[in-house]
Amino acid sequence: MTHISVPAPVQALVGAINNADTDAFVAAFVPDGYVDDWGRVLRGAEGVRSWANTDAIGAGAQMTVLESGTTDDTTELRFAWKSRVFNGESTAFATVKDGKLASFRIPPHA
């Protein structure tokens, strides 16, 4: 399998999910960062932690980046996801600010 290069803050998010490390996941975000999962927005450290606990790490998620492209401060990811909540492929947009994630947005499928 070919390794796909992503910016370090995005890799920190993927690594935290795959290593089941909630503290590292929260630490990957700026203090006012957020997760937007299909329009459900969870803000700040507590919101990010909540999403990690319910939809990602707490659900046993594993994330494999399939494609990646970065323009300016935003990386678009196509990824495979396996968890007790969702299994399949999806797209996300990760925006970086000051070397950390400002947002991780998973838009609804068209």
PDB file of N, CA and C in Angstrom:
ATOM      1  N   MET A   1       0.845  -1.175   0.000  1.00  0.00           N
ATOM      2  CA  MET A   1       0.000   0.000   0.000  1.00  0.00           C
ATOM      3  C   MET A   1       0.888   1.236   0.000  1.00  0.00           C
ATOM      4  N   THR A   2       0.535   2.206  -0.808  1.00  0.00           N
ATOM      5  CA  THR A   2       1.273   3.449  -0.918  1.00  0.00           C
ATOM      6  C   THR A   2       0.881   4.385   0.217  1.00  0.00           C
ATOM      7  N   HIS A   3       1.895   4.997   0.821  1.00  0.00           N
ATOM      8  CA  HIS A   3       1.635   5.975   1.874  1.00  0.00           C
ATOM      9  C   HIS A   3       1.285   7.304   1.212  1.00  0.00           C
ATOM     10  N   ILE A   4       0.229   7.927   1.673  1.00  0.00           N
ATOM     11  CA  ILE A   4      -0.205   9.213   1.142  1.00  0.00           C
ATOM     12  C   ILE A   4       0.225  10.295   2.120  1.00  0.00           C
ATOM     13  N   SER A   5       0.943  11.270   1.606  1.00  0.00           N
ATOM     14  CA  SER A   5       1.449  12.345   2.445  1.00  0.00           C
ATOM     15  C   SER A   5       0.358  13.381   2.722  1.00  0.00           C
ATOM     16  N   VAL A   6       0.220  13.752   3.978  1.00  0.00           N
ATOM     17  CA  VAL A   6      -0.697  14.808   4.388  1.00  0.00           C
ATOM     18  C   VAL A   6       0.068  15.735   5.335  1.00  0.00           C
ATOM     19  N   PRO A   7      -0.389  16.982   5.483  1.00  0.00           N
ATOM     20  CA  PRO A   7       0.276  17.886   6.424  1.00  0.00           C
ATOM     21  C   PRO A   7       0.312  17.290   7.843  1.00  0.00           C
ATOM     22  N   ALA A   8       1.340  17.653   8.593  1.00  0.00           N
ATOM     23  CA  ALA A   8       1.538  17.097   9.936  1.00  0.00           C
ATOM     24  C   ALA A   8       0.309  17.211  10.838  1.00  0.00           C
ATOM     25  N   PRO A   9      -0.412  18.347  10.876  1.00  0.00           N
ATOM     26  CA  PRO A   9      -1.594  18.403  11.741  1.00  0.00           C
ATOM     27  C   PRO A   9      -2.682  17.403  11.333  1.00  0.00           C
ATOM     28  N   VAL A  10      -2.814  17.157  10.038  1.00  0.00           N
ATOM     29  CA  VAL A  10      -3.796  16.184   9.559  1.00  0.00           C
ATOM     30  C   VAL A  10      -3.335  14.780   9.927  1.00  0.00           C
ATOM     31  N   GLN A  11      -2.042  14.519   9.787  1.00  0.00           N
ATOM     32  CA  GLN A  11      -1.507  13.214  10.176  1.00  0.00           C
ATOM     33  C   GLN A  11      -1.688  12.984  11.674  1.00  0.00           C
ATOM     34  N   ALA A  12      -1.581  14.045  12.470  1.00  0.00           N
ATOM     35  CA  ALA A  12      -1.794  13.914  13.923  1.00  0.00           C
ATOM     36  C   ALA A  12      -3.218  13.455  14.208  1.00  0.00           C
ATOM     37  N   LEU A  13      -4.198  13.989  13.471  1.00  0.00           N
ATOM     38  CA  LEU A  13      -5.594  13.576  13.635  1.00  0.00           C
ATOM     39  C   LEU A  13      -5.767  12.103  13.260  1.00  0.00           C
ATOM     40  N   VAL A  14      -5.248  11.712  12.098  1.00  0.00           N
ATOM     41  CA  VAL A  14      -5.370  10.326  11.639  1.00  0.00           C
ATOM     42  C   VAL A  14      -4.670   9.382  12.623  1.00  0.00           C
ATOM     43  N   GLY A  15      -3.465   9.744  13.043  1.00  0.00           N
ATOM     44  CA  GLY A  15      -2.726   8.906  13.985  1.00  0.00           C
ATOM     45  C   GLY A  15      -3.439   8.763  15.313  1.00  0.00           C
ATOM     46  N   ALA A  16      -4.026   9.851  15.804  1.00  0.00           N
ATOM     47  CA  ALA A  16      -4.752   9.789  17.082  1.00  0.00           C
ATOM     48  C   ALA A  16      -5.950   8.864  16.975  1.00  0.00           C
ATOM     49  N   ILE A  17      -6.671   8.935  15.863  1.00  0.00           N
ATOM     50  CA  ILE A  17      -7.816   8.031  15.677  1.00  0.00           C
ATOM     51  C   ILE A  17      -7.333   6.587  15.640  1.00  0.00           C
ATOM     52  N   ASN A  18      -6.347   6.310  14.801  1.00  0.00           N
ATOM     53  CA  ASN A  18      -5.890   4.935  14.618  1.00  0.00           C
ATOM     54  C   ASN A  18      -5.196   4.353  15.847  1.00  0.00           C
ATOM     55  N   ASN A  19      -4.672   5.223  16.695  1.00  0.00           N
ATOM     56  CA  ASN A  19      -4.020   4.771  17.935  1.00  0.00           C
ATOM     57  C   ASN A  19      -4.945   4.855  19.138  1.00  0.00           C
ATOM     58  N   ALA A  20      -6.211   5.194  18.898  1.00  0.00           N
ATOM     59  CA  ALA A  20      -7.215   5.301  19.964  1.00  0.00           C
ATOM     60  C   ALA A  20      -6.743   6.227  21.086  1.00  0.00           C
ATOM     61  N   ASP A  21      -6.214   7.384  20.698  1.00  0.00           N
ATOM     62  CA  ASP A  21      -5.652   8.330  21.663  1.00  0.00           C
ATOM     63  C   ASP A  21      -6.486   9.621  21.657  1.00  0.00           C
ATOM     64  N   THR A  22      -7.488   9.655  22.506  1.00  0.00           N
ATOM     65  CA  THR A  22      -8.393  10.804  22.549  1.00  0.00           C
ATOM     66  C   THR A  22      -7.667  12.087  22.921  1.00  0.00           C
ATOM     67  N   ASP A  23      -6.746  12.029  23.871  1.00  0.00           N
ATOM     68  CA  ASP A  23      -6.021  13.237  24.268  1.00  0.00           C
ATOM     69  C   ASP A  23      -5.213  13.798  23.098  1.00  0.00           C
ATOM     70  N   ALA A  24      -4.571  12.934  22.324  1.00  0.00           N
ATOM     71  CA  ALA A  24      -3.814  13.391  21.153  1.00  0.00           C
ATOM     72  C   ALA A  24      -4.755  13.959  20.091  1.00  0.00           C
ATOM     73  N   PHE A  25      -5.942  13.375  19.964  1.00  0.00           N
ATOM     74  CA  PHE A  25      -6.925  13.887  19.012  1.00  0.00           C
ATOM     75  C   PHE A  25      -7.311  15.314  19.388  1.00  0.00           C
ATOM     76  N   VAL A  26      -7.651  15.536  20.637  1.00  0.00           N
ATOM     77  CA  VAL A  26      -8.033  16.881  21.093  1.00  0.00           C
ATOM     78  C   VAL A  26      -6.858  17.838  20.944  1.00  0.00           C
ATOM     79  N   ALA A  27      -5.666  17.380  21.256  1.00  0.00           N
ATOM     80  CA  ALA A  27      -4.469  18.227  21.173  1.00  0.00           C
ATOM     81  C   ALA A  27      -4.120  18.609  19.737  1.00  0.00           C
ATOM     82  N   ALA A  28      -4.651  17.895  18.747  1.00  0.00           N
ATOM     83  CA  ALA A  28      -4.382  18.210  17.347  1.00  0.00           C
ATOM     84  C   ALA A  28      -5.103  19.479  16.899  1.00  0.00           C
ATOM     85  N   PHE A  29      -6.070  19.952  17.693  1.00  0.00           N
ATOM     86  CA  PHE A  29      -6.894  21.114  17.338  1.00  0.00           C
ATOM     87  C   PHE A  29      -6.468  22.358  18.097  1.00  0.00           C
ATOM     88  N   VAL A  30      -6.678  23.523  17.468  1.00  0.00           N
ATOM     89  CA  VAL A  30      -6.531  24.790  18.191  1.00  0.00           C
ATOM     90  C   VAL A  30      -7.629  24.847  19.245  1.00  0.00           C
ATOM     91  N   PRO A  31      -7.482  25.684  20.280  1.00  0.00           N
ATOM     92  CA  PRO A  31      -8.475  25.694  21.369  1.00  0.00           C
ATOM     93  C   PRO A  31      -9.921  25.922  20.918  1.00  0.00           C
ATOM     94  N   ASP A  32     -10.127  26.732  19.870  1.00  0.00           N
ATOM     95  CA  ASP A  32     -11.488  26.976  19.408  1.00  0.00           C
ATOM     96  C   ASP A  32     -11.823  26.167  18.145  1.00  0.00           C
ATOM     97  N   GLY A  33     -11.068  25.100  17.923  1.00  0.00           N
ATOM     98  CA  GLY A  33     -11.301  24.256  16.766  1.00  0.00           C
ATOM     99  C   GLY A  33     -12.620  23.506  16.870  1.00  0.00           C
ATOM    100  N   TYR A  34     -13.016  22.916  15.740  1.00  0.00           N
ATOM    101  CA  TYR A  34     -14.299  22.205  15.748  1.00  0.00           C
ATOM    102  C   TYR A  34     -14.321  21.050  14.759  1.00  0.00           C
ATOM    103  N   VAL A  35     -15.254  20.134  15.017  1.00  0.00           N
ATOM    104  CA  VAL A  35     -15.585  19.051  14.105  1.00  0.00           C
ATOM    105  C   VAL A  35     -16.997  19.339  13.598  1.00  0.00           C
ATOM    106  N   ASP A  36     -17.170  19.238  12.293  1.00  0.00           N
ATOM    107  CA  ASP A  36     -18.477  19.393  11.658  1.00  0.00           C
ATOM    108  C   ASP A  36     -18.759  18.087  10.926  1.00  0.00           C
ATOM    109  N   ASP A  37     -19.601  17.254  11.506  1.00  0.00           N
ATOM    110  CA  ASP A  37     -19.919  15.936  10.965  1.00  0.00           C
ATOM    111  C   ASP A  37     -21.345  15.964  10.416  1.00  0.00           C
ATOM    112  N   TRP A  38     -21.454  16.156   9.096  1.00  0.00           N
ATOM    113  CA  TRP A  38     -22.749  16.215   8.425  1.00  0.00           C
ATOM    114  C   TRP A  38     -23.629  17.326   8.992  1.00  0.00           C
ATOM    115  N   GLY A  39     -23.026  18.452   9.370  1.00  0.00           N
ATOM    116  CA  GLY A  39     -23.788  19.580   9.881  1.00  0.00           C
ATOM    117  C   GLY A  39     -23.915  19.611  11.392  1.00  0.00           C
ATOM    118  N   ARG A  40     -23.508  18.555  12.066  1.00  0.00           N
ATOM    119  CA  ARG A  40     -23.493  18.546  13.528  1.00  0.00           C
ATOM    120  C   ARG A  40     -22.138  19.093  13.950  1.00  0.00           C
ATOM    121  N   VAL A  41     -22.131  20.317  14.458  1.00  0.00           N
ATOM    122  CA  VAL A  41     -20.892  21.015  14.779  1.00  0.00           C
ATOM    123  C   VAL A  41     -20.619  20.932  16.276  1.00  0.00           C
ATOM    124  N   LEU A  42     -19.411  20.485  16.602  1.00  0.00           N
ATOM    125  CA  LEU A  42     -18.975  20.368  17.999  1.00  0.00           C
ATOM    126  C   LEU A  42     -17.721  21.207  18.150  1.00  0.00           C
ATOM    127  N   ARG A  43     -17.807  22.236  19.001  1.00  0.00           N
ATOM    128  CA  ARG A  43     -16.752  23.253  19.096  1.00  0.00           C
ATOM    129  C   ARG A  43     -15.931  23.148  20.377  1.00  0.00           C
ATOM    130  N   GLY A  44     -14.694  23.609  20.258  1.00  0.00           N
ATOM    131  CA  GLY A  44     -13.793  23.667  21.396  1.00  0.00           C
ATOM    132  C   GLY A  44     -13.330  22.287  21.821  1.00  0.00           C
ATOM    133  N   ALA A  45     -12.457  22.261  22.813  1.00  0.00           N
ATOM    134  CA  ALA A  45     -11.867  20.992  23.258  1.00  0.00           C
ATOM    135  C   ALA A  45     -12.927  19.988  23.705  1.00  0.00           C
ATOM    136  N   GLU A  46     -13.935  20.459  24.423  1.00  0.00           N
ATOM    137  CA  GLU A  46     -14.966  19.527  24.899  1.00  0.00           C
ATOM    138  C   GLU A  46     -15.813  18.986  23.755  1.00  0.00           C
ATOM    139  N   GLY A  47     -16.120  19.823  22.779  1.00  0.00           N
ATOM    140  CA  GLY A  47     -16.873  19.366  21.622  1.00  0.00           C
ATOM    141  C   GLY A  47     -16.091  18.374  20.790  1.00  0.00           C
ATOM    142  N   VAL A  48     -14.823  18.672  20.557  1.00  0.00           N
ATOM    143  CA  VAL A  48     -13.941  17.771  19.800  1.00  0.00           C
ATOM    144  C   VAL A  48     -13.810  16.441  20.544  1.00  0.00           C
ATOM    145  N   ARG A  49     -13.631  16.494  21.851  1.00  0.00           N
ATOM    146  CA  ARG A  49     -13.533  15.274  22.661  1.00  0.00           C
ATOM    147  C   ARG A  49     -14.840  14.474  22.595  1.00  0.00           C
ATOM    148  N   SER A  50     -15.957  15.166  22.645  1.00  0.00           N
ATOM    149  CA  SER A  50     -17.245  14.487  22.575  1.00  0.00           C
ATOM    150  C   SER A  50     -17.378  13.707  21.273  1.00  0.00           C
ATOM    151  N   TRP A  51     -17.033  14.330  20.147  1.00  0.00           N
ATOM    152  CA  TRP A  51     -17.113  13.643  18.858  1.00  0.00           C
ATOM    153  C   TRP A  51     -16.166  12.443  18.827  1.00  0.00           C
ATOM    154  N   ALA A  52     -14.959  12.650  19.332  1.00  0.00           N
ATOM    155  CA  ALA A  52     -13.995  11.539  19.364  1.00  0.00           C
ATOM    156  C   ALA A  52     -14.554  10.367  20.163  1.00  0.00           C
ATOM    157  N   ASN A  53     -15.213  10.669  21.276  1.00  0.00           N
ATOM    158  CA  ASN A  53     -15.740   9.609  22.141  1.00  0.00           C
ATOM    159  C   ASN A  53     -16.941   8.890  21.548  1.00  0.00           C
ATOM    160  N   THR A  54     -17.781   9.589  20.798  1.00  0.00           N
ATOM    161  CA  THR A  54     -19.002   8.966  20.288  1.00  0.00           C
ATOM    162  C   THR A  54     -18.874   8.433  18.868  1.00  0.00           C
ATOM    163  N   ASP A  55     -18.144   9.131  18.002  1.00  0.00           N
ATOM    164  CA  ASP A  55     -18.140   8.790  16.585  1.00  0.00           C
ATOM    165  C   ASP A  55     -16.817   8.248  16.065  1.00  0.00           C
ATOM    166  N   ALA A  56     -15.749   8.407  16.798  1.00  0.00           N
ATOM    167  CA  ALA A  56     -14.439   8.004  16.285  1.00  0.00           C
ATOM    168  C   ALA A  56     -13.764   7.017  17.238  1.00  0.00           C
ATOM    169  N   ILE A  57     -12.964   7.508  18.116  1.00  0.00           N
ATOM    170  CA  ILE A  57     -12.165   6.652  18.984  1.00  0.00           C
ATOM    171  C   ILE A  57     -13.039   5.765  19.861  1.00  0.00           C
ATOM    172  N   GLY A  58     -14.085   6.318  20.435  1.00  0.00           N
ATOM    173  CA  GLY A  58     -14.994   5.526  21.262  1.00  0.00           C
ATOM    174  C   GLY A  58     -15.775   4.494  20.480  1.00  0.00           C
ATOM    175  N   ALA A  59     -15.797   4.638  19.156  1.00  0.00           N
ATOM    176  CA  ALA A  59     -16.498   3.683  18.287  1.00  0.00           C
ATOM    177  C   ALA A  59     -15.524   2.711  17.623  1.00  0.00           C
ATOM    178  N   GLY A  60     -14.270   2.719  18.087  1.00  0.00           N
ATOM    179  CA  GLY A  60     -13.279   1.793  17.550  1.00  0.00           C
ATOM    180  C   GLY A  60     -12.849   2.104  16.122  1.00  0.00           C
ATOM    181  N   ALA A  61     -12.865   3.364  15.738  1.00  0.00           N
ATOM    182  CA  ALA A  61     -12.594   3.753  14.356  1.00  0.00           C
ATOM    183  C   ALA A  61     -11.158   3.503  13.928  1.00  0.00           C
ATOM    184  N   GLN A  62     -11.040   3.185  12.661  1.00  0.00           N
ATOM    185  CA  GLN A  62      -9.762   3.136  11.963  1.00  0.00           C
ATOM    186  C   GLN A  62      -9.957   3.920  10.674  1.00  0.00           C
ATOM    187  N   MET A  63      -9.005   4.807  10.383  1.00  0.00           N
ATOM    188  CA  MET A  63      -9.104   5.710   9.238  1.00  0.00           C
ATOM    189  C   MET A  63      -7.910   5.490   8.318  1.00  0.00           C
ATOM    190  N   THR A  64      -8.195   5.264   7.041  1.00  0.00           N
ATOM    191  CA  THR A  64      -7.148   5.092   6.038  1.00  0.00           C
ATOM    192  C   THR A  64      -7.323   6.168   4.971  1.00  0.00           C
ATOM    193  N   VAL A  65      -6.325   7.017   4.821  1.00  0.00           N
ATOM    194  CA  VAL A  65      -6.381   8.065   3.803  1.00  0.00           C
ATOM    195  C   VAL A  65      -6.135   7.418   2.443  1.00  0.00           C
ATOM    196  N   LEU A  66      -7.082   7.621   1.524  1.00  0.00           N
ATOM    197  CA  LEU A  66      -7.000   7.059   0.179  1.00  0.00           C
ATOM    198  C   LEU A  66      -6.464   8.063  -0.835  1.00  0.00           C
ATOM    199  N   GLU A  67      -6.852   9.327  -0.667  1.00  0.00           N
ATOM    200  CA  GLU A  67      -6.397  10.416  -1.534  1.00  0.00           C
ATOM    201  C   GLU A  67      -6.309  11.682  -0.697  1.00  0.00           C
ATOM    202  N   SER A  68      -5.436  12.571  -1.114  1.00  0.00           N
ATOM    203  CA  SER A  68      -5.265  13.814  -0.373  1.00  0.00           C
ATOM    204  C   SER A  68      -4.781  14.909  -1.307  1.00  0.00           C
ATOM    205  N   GLY A  69      -5.300  16.105  -1.113  1.00  0.00           N
ATOM    206  CA  GLY A  69      -4.823  17.266  -1.841  1.00  0.00           C
ATOM    207  C   GLY A  69      -4.943  18.490  -0.959  1.00  0.00           C
ATOM    208  N   THR A  70      -3.917  19.321  -0.965  1.00  0.00           N
ATOM    209  CA  THR A  70      -3.911  20.504  -0.105  1.00  0.00           C
ATOM    210  C   THR A  70      -3.811  21.763  -0.949  1.00  0.00           C
ATOM    211  N   THR A  71      -4.700  22.707  -0.651  1.00  0.00           N
ATOM    212  CA  THR A  71      -4.675  24.036  -1.252  1.00  0.00           C
ATOM    213  C   THR A  71      -4.713  25.040  -0.118  1.00  0.00           C
ATOM    214  N   ASP A  72      -3.705  25.899  -0.095  1.00  0.00           N
ATOM    215  CA  ASP A  72      -3.569  26.888   0.973  1.00  0.00           C
ATOM    216  C   ASP A  72      -3.576  26.178   2.333  1.00  0.00           C
ATOM    217  N   ASP A  73      -4.561  26.474   3.189  1.00  0.00           N
ATOM    218  CA  ASP A  73      -4.573  25.900   4.537  1.00  0.00           C
ATOM    219  C   ASP A  73      -5.550  24.734   4.685  1.00  0.00           C
ATOM    220  N   THR A  74      -6.131  24.277   3.567  1.00  0.00           N
ATOM    221  CA  THR A  74      -7.152  23.234   3.646  1.00  0.00           C
ATOM    222  C   THR A  74      -6.739  21.986   2.866  1.00  0.00           C
ATOM    223  N   THR A  75      -6.872  20.845   3.532  1.00  0.00           N
ATOM    224  CA  THR A  75      -6.583  19.558   2.912  1.00  0.00           C
ATOM    225  C   THR A  75      -7.882  18.809   2.711  1.00  0.00           C
ATOM    226  N   GLU A  76      -8.110  18.376   1.481  1.00  0.00           N
ATOM    227  CA  GLU A  76      -9.261  17.523   1.183  1.00  0.00           C
ATOM    228  C   GLU A  76      -8.795  16.078   1.237  1.00  0.00           C
ATOM    229  N   LEU A  77      -9.526  15.276   1.981  1.00  0.00           N
ATOM    230  CA  LEU A  77      -9.188  13.863   2.147  1.00  0.00           C
ATOM    231  C   LEU A  77     -10.302  12.983   1.614  1.00  0.00           C
ATOM    232  N   ARG A  78      -9.943  11.930   0.936  1.00  0.00           N
ATOM    233  CA  ARG A  78     -10.860  10.828   0.653  1.00  0.00           C
ATOM    234  C   ARG A  78     -10.337   9.710   1.525  1.00  0.00           C
ATOM    235  N   PHE A  79     -11.218   9.146   2.359  1.00  0.00           N
ATOM    236  CA  PHE A  79     -10.722   8.158   3.318  1.00  0.00           C
ATOM    237  C   PHE A  79     -11.681   6.994   3.483  1.00  0.00           C
ATOM    238  N   ALA A  80     -11.121   5.883   3.906  1.00  0.00           N
ATOM    239  CA  ALA A  80     -11.908   4.713   4.295  1.00  0.00           C
ATOM    240  C   ALA A  80     -12.014   4.745   5.812  1.00  0.00           C
ATOM    241  N   TRP A  81     -13.186   4.381   6.319  1.00  0.00           N
ATOM    242  CA  TRP A  81     -13.482   4.450   7.753  1.00  0.00           C
ATOM    243  C   TRP A  81     -14.152   3.154   8.166  1.00  0.00           C
ATOM    244  N   LYS A  82     -13.649   2.580   9.230  1.00  0.00           N
ATOM    245  CA  LYS A  82     -14.271   1.384   9.795  1.00  0.00           C
ATOM    246  C   LYS A  82     -14.503   1.642  11.272  1.00  0.00           C
ATOM    247  N   SER A  83     -15.765   1.501  11.721  1.00  0.00           N
ATOM    248  CA  SER A  83     -16.074   1.680  13.132  1.00  0.00           C
ATOM    249  C   SER A  83     -17.412   1.017  13.426  1.00  0.00           C
ATOM    250  N   ARG A  84     -17.816   1.101  14.686  1.00  0.00           N
ATOM    251  CA  ARG A  84     -19.130   0.583  15.054  1.00  0.00           C
ATOM    252  C   ARG A  84     -20.255   1.551  14.661  1.00  0.00           C
ATOM    253  N   VAL A  85     -19.903   2.766  14.213  1.00  0.00           N
ATOM    254  CA  VAL A  85     -20.891   3.778  13.840  1.00  0.00           C
ATOM    255  C   VAL A  85     -21.067   3.851  12.325  1.00  0.00           C
ATOM    256  N   PHE A  86     -19.966   3.803  11.576  1.00  0.00           N
ATOM    257  CA  PHE A  86     -20.007   3.963  10.125  1.00  0.00           C
ATOM    258  C   PHE A  86     -18.890   3.144   9.504  1.00  0.00           C
ATOM    259  N   ASN A  87     -19.181   2.525   8.377  1.00  0.00           N
ATOM    260  CA  ASN A  87     -18.174   1.820   7.587  1.00  0.00           C
ATOM    261  C   ASN A  87     -18.340   2.250   6.146  1.00  0.00           C
ATOM    262  N   GLY A  88     -17.250   2.641   5.529  1.00  0.00           N
ATOM    263  CA  GLY A  88     -17.298   3.033   4.129  1.00  0.00           C
ATOM    264  C   GLY A  88     -16.289   4.112   3.832  1.00  0.00           C
ATOM    265  N   GLU A  89     -16.447   4.725   2.668  1.00  0.00           N
ATOM    266  CA  GLU A  89     -15.570   5.812   2.252  1.00  0.00           C
ATOM    267  C   GLU A  89     -16.299   7.135   2.386  1.00  0.00           C
ATOM    268  N   SER A  90     -15.516   8.178   2.634  1.00  0.00           N
ATOM    269  CA  SER A  90     -16.092   9.500   2.783  1.00  0.00           C
ATOM    270  C   SER A  90     -15.045  10.538   2.399  1.00  0.00           C
ATOM    271  N   THR A  91     -15.476  11.775   2.390  1.00  0.00           N
ATOM    272  CA  THR A  91     -14.608  12.914   2.106  1.00  0.00           C
ATOM    273  C   THR A  91     -14.639  13.847   3.311  1.00  0.00           C
ATOM    274  N   ALA A  92     -13.513  14.470   3.590  1.00  0.00           N
ATOM    275  CA  ALA A  92     -13.440  15.450   4.672  1.00  0.00           C
ATOM    276  C   ALA A  92     -12.517  16.583   4.252  1.00  0.00           C
ATOM    277  N   PHE A  93     -12.674  17.704   4.931  1.00  0.00           N
ATOM    278  CA  PHE A  93     -11.828  18.874   4.722  1.00  0.00           C
ATOM    279  C   PHE A  93     -11.233  19.262   6.068  1.00  0.00           C
ATOM    280  N   ALA A  94      -9.908  19.296   6.136  1.00  0.00           N
ATOM    281  CA  ALA A  94      -9.210  19.677   7.362  1.00  0.00           C
ATOM    282  C   ALA A  94      -8.521  21.014   7.116  1.00  0.00           C
ATOM    283  N   THR A  95      -8.829  21.989   7.947  1.00  0.00           N
ATOM    284  CA  THR A  95      -8.236  23.318   7.812  1.00  0.00           C
ATOM    285  C   THR A  95      -7.244  23.534   8.954  1.00  0.00           C
ATOM    286  N   VAL A  96      -6.055  23.995   8.603  1.00  0.00           N
ATOM    287  CA  VAL A  96      -4.966  24.179   9.558  1.00  0.00           C
ATOM    288  C   VAL A  96      -4.805  25.654   9.887  1.00  0.00           C
ATOM    289  N   LYS A  97      -4.569  25.916  11.163  1.00  0.00           N
ATOM    290  CA  LYS A  97      -4.317  27.278  11.655  1.00  0.00           C
ATOM    291  C   LYS A  97      -3.245  27.182  12.730  1.00  0.00           C
ATOM    292  N   ASP A  98      -2.185  27.943  12.597  1.00  0.00           N
ATOM    293  CA  ASP A  98      -1.110  27.973  13.596  1.00  0.00           C
ATOM    294  C   ASP A  98      -0.557  26.581  13.899  1.00  0.00           C
ATOM    295  N   GLY A  99      -0.444  25.744  12.872  1.00  0.00           N
ATOM    296  CA  GLY A  99       0.167  24.434  13.037  1.00  0.00           C
ATOM    297  C   GLY A  99      -0.720  23.364  13.644  1.00  0.00           C
ATOM    298  N   LYS A 100      -1.998  23.686  13.840  1.00  0.00           N
ATOM    299  CA  LYS A 100      -2.951  22.708  14.375  1.00  0.00           C
ATOM    300  C   LYS A 100      -4.222  22.771  13.543  1.00  0.00           C
ATOM    301  N   LEU A 101      -5.138  21.873  13.813  1.00  0.00           N
ATOM    302  CA  LEU A 101      -6.396  21.869  13.075  1.00  0.00           C
ATOM    303  C   LEU A 101      -7.349  22.925  13.610  1.00  0.00           C
ATOM    304  N   ALA A 102      -7.862  23.738  12.706  1.00  0.00           N
ATOM    305  CA  ALA A 102      -8.920  24.678  13.066  1.00  0.00           C
ATOM    306  C   ALA A 102     -10.267  23.994  12.911  1.00  0.00           C
ATOM    307  N   SER A 103     -10.347  23.073  11.923  1.00  0.00           N
ATOM    308  CA  SER A 103     -11.602  22.357  11.712  1.00  0.00           C
ATOM    309  C   SER A 103     -11.353  21.052  10.980  1.00  0.00           C
ATOM    310  N   PHE A 104     -12.282  20.130  11.212  1.00  0.00           N
ATOM    311  CA  PHE A 104     -12.353  18.858  10.497  1.00  0.00           C
ATOM    312  C   PHE A 104     -13.813  18.708  10.109  1.00  0.00           C
ATOM    313  N   ARG A 105     -14.078  18.847   8.798  1.00  0.00           N
ATOM    314  CA  ARG A 105     -15.457  18.901   8.325  1.00  0.00           C
ATOM    315  C   ARG A 105     -15.749  17.730   7.397  1.00  0.00           C
ATOM    316  N   ILE A 106     -16.777  16.958   7.742  1.00  0.00           N
ATOM    317  CA  ILE A 106     -17.242  15.855   6.907  1.00  0.00           C
ATOM    318  C   ILE A 106     -18.618  16.285   6.381  1.00  0.00           C
ATOM    319  N   PRO A 107     -18.677  16.697   5.106  1.00  0.00           N
ATOM    320  CA  PRO A 107     -19.950  17.160   4.566  1.00  0.00           C
ATOM    321  C   PRO A 107     -20.876  15.983   4.258  1.00  0.00           C
ATOM    322  N   PRO A 108     -22.173  16.229   4.220  1.00  0.00           N
ATOM    323  CA  PRO A 108     -23.110  15.177   3.820  1.00  0.00           C
ATOM    324  C   PRO A 108     -22.815  14.718   2.399  1.00  0.00           C
ATOM    325  N   HIS A 109     -23.059  13.440   2.143  1.00  0.00           N
ATOM    326  CA  HIS A 109     -22.880  12.923   0.786  1.00  0.00           C
ATOM    327  C   HIS A 109     -23.941  13.505  -0.126  1.00  0.00           C
ATOM    328  N   ALA A 110     -23.556  13.807  -1.330  1.00  0.00           N
ATOM    329  CA  ALA A 110     -24.505  14.357  -2.311  1.00  0.00           C
ATOM    330  C   ALA A 110     -25.410  13.264  -2.851  1.00  0.00           C
TER     331      ALA A 110
END
